[in-house]
C-alpha atoms as a PDB file:
ATOM      1  CA  MET A   1    -108.531 -15.275  -1.428  1.00  0.00           C
ATOM      2  CA  ILE A   2    -106.062 -13.339  -3.378  1.00  0.00           C
ATOM      3  CA  GLY A   3    -103.018 -15.227  -2.479  1.00  0.00           C
ATOM      4  CA  ASP A   4    -104.535 -18.374  -3.901  1.00  0.00           C
ATOM      5  CA  CYS A   5    -103.933 -16.994  -7.297  1.00  0.00           C
ATOM      6  CA  ILE A   6    -100.462 -16.409  -6.629  1.00  0.00           C
ATOM      7  CA  PRO A   7     -97.281 -18.664  -6.447  1.00  0.00           C
ATOM      8  CA  VAL A   8     -95.922 -19.708  -2.815  1.00  0.00           C
ATOM      9  CA  PRO A   9     -93.034 -18.290  -3.980  1.00  0.00           C
ATOM     10  CA  VAL A  10     -94.261 -14.786  -4.731  1.00  0.00           C
ATOM     11  CA  LEU A  11     -95.720 -14.942  -1.504  1.00  0.00           C
ATOM     12  CA  HIS A  12     -92.575 -15.429   0.552  1.00  0.00           C
ATOM     13  CA  ALA A  13     -90.425 -12.821  -1.384  1.00  0.00           C
ATOM     14  CA  GLU A  14     -93.551 -10.314  -0.779  1.00  0.00           C
ATOM     15  CA  THR A  15     -93.651 -11.168   2.942  1.00  0.00           C
ATOM     16  CA  ASP A  16     -89.594 -11.177   2.965  1.00  0.00           C
ATOM     17  CA  ALA A  17     -89.595  -7.913   1.018  1.00  0.00           C
ATOM     18  CA  GLU A  18     -91.789  -5.743   3.352  1.00  0.00           C
ATOM     19  CA  MET A  19     -90.312  -7.018   6.574  1.00  0.00           C
ATOM     20  CA  ALA A  20     -86.491  -6.126   4.904  1.00  0.00           C
ATOM     21  CA  ALA A  21     -88.397  -2.770   4.194  1.00  0.00           C
ATOM     22  CA  ARG A  22     -88.972  -2.337   7.527  1.00  0.00           C
ATOM     23  CA  GLU A  23     -85.753  -3.115   9.383  1.00  0.00           C
ATOM     24  CA  ILE A  24     -84.030  -1.002   6.957  1.00  0.00           C
ATOM     25  CA  ARG A  25     -85.821   2.001   7.921  1.00  0.00           C
ATOM     26  CA  ARG A  26     -85.027   0.922  11.479  1.00  0.00           C
ATOM     27  CA  PHE A  27     -81.198   1.072  11.130  1.00  0.00           C
ATOM     28  CA  ARG A  28     -79.332   4.036  10.819  1.00  0.00           C
ATOM     29  CA  PRO A  29     -76.735   3.687   8.149  1.00  0.00           C
ATOM     30  CA  LEU A  30     -74.030   6.002  10.338  1.00  0.00           C
ATOM     31  CA  GLU A  31     -74.726   5.093  13.706  1.00  0.00           C
ATOM     32  CA  SER A  32     -72.675   1.946  13.980  1.00  0.00           C
ATOM     33  CA  ASP A  33     -70.111  -0.653  11.831  1.00  0.00           C
ATOM     34  CA  GLU A  34     -72.775  -3.056  13.376  1.00  0.00           C
ATOM     35  CA  ASP A  35     -75.917  -1.057  12.099  1.00  0.00           C
ATOM     36  CA  ARG A  36     -74.299  -0.449   8.943  1.00  0.00           C
ATOM     37  CA  ALA A  37     -73.960  -4.392   8.510  1.00  0.00           C
ATOM     38  CA  ASP A  38     -77.214  -5.367   9.495  1.00  0.00           C
ATOM     39  CA  ARG A  39     -78.695  -2.315   7.003  1.00  0.00           C
ATOM     40  CA  GLU A  40     -77.215  -3.805   4.197  1.00  0.00           C
ATOM     41  CA  ARG A  41     -78.058  -7.489   4.481  1.00  0.00           C
ATOM     42  CA  GLU A  42     -81.298  -6.196   4.835  1.00  0.00           C
ATOM     43  CA  LEU A  43     -80.872  -4.106   1.603  1.00  0.00           C
ATOM     44  CA  SER A  44     -79.411  -7.360   0.167  1.00  0.00           C
ATOM     45  CA  ARG A  45     -82.344  -9.528   1.494  1.00  0.00           C
ATOM     46  CA  LEU A  46     -84.964  -7.132  -0.602  1.00  0.00           C
ATOM     47  CA  ALA A  47     -82.813  -6.935  -3.390  1.00  0.00           C
ATOM     48  CA  ARG A  48     -83.442 -11.080  -3.501  1.00  0.00           C
ATOM     49  CA  ALA A  49     -87.088 -10.469  -2.272  1.00  0.00           C
ATOM     50  CA  ASN A  50     -87.246  -7.853  -5.382  1.00  0.00           C
ATOM     51  CA  LYS A  51     -86.175  -9.918  -7.731  1.00  0.00           C
ATOM     52  CA  VAL A  52     -88.658 -12.856  -7.585  1.00  0.00           C
ATOM     53  CA  LEU A  53     -91.390  -9.924  -7.380  1.00  0.00           C
ATOM     54  CA  ALA A  54     -90.184  -8.452 -10.308  1.00  0.00           C
ATOM     55  CA  ALA A  55     -90.264 -11.292 -12.611  1.00  0.00           C
ATOM     56  CA  TYR A  56     -93.669 -12.043 -11.375  1.00  0.00           C
ATOM     57  CA  ASN A  57     -95.157  -8.673 -11.719  1.00  0.00           C
ATOM     58  CA  PRO A  58     -93.162  -5.279 -11.187  1.00  0.00           C
ATOM     59  CA  GLY A  59     -96.251  -3.657 -10.115  1.00  0.00           C
ATOM     60  CA  LEU A  60     -95.072  -5.750  -6.494  1.00  0.00           C
ATOM     61  CA  ILE A  61     -91.723  -4.400  -5.860  1.00  0.00           C
ATOM     62  CA  VAL A  62     -90.686  -2.928  -2.430  1.00  0.00           C
ATOM     63  CA  LYS A  63     -88.499   0.262  -1.960  1.00  0.00           C
ATOM     64  CA  ALA A  64     -86.592   0.823   1.127  1.00  0.00           C
ATOM     65  CA  GLY A  65     -87.579   3.922   2.254  1.00  0.00           C
ATOM     66  CA  GLY A  66     -90.826   3.364   1.955  1.00  0.00           C
ATOM     67  CA  PRO A  67     -94.695   1.954   0.231  1.00  0.00           C
ATOM     68  CA  ARG A  68     -94.618   0.259  -3.017  1.00  0.00           C
ATOM     69  CA  GLY A  69     -94.346   2.822  -5.811  1.00  0.00           C
END
């Protein structure tokens, strides 16, 4: 019901941000070059999603290290 009031691109951005934040916590930045590249890709994905979320409502921004704040 709440999702009916929120534009579809914002809902997609919220899902992307949550998934990216979960993946960021999974990678260890000092483990390997591949992990660093994967983590950077997820940080970029999170930044793109947060840009959409912030434009709609800054309170929806998802942080990389944990839950919204």
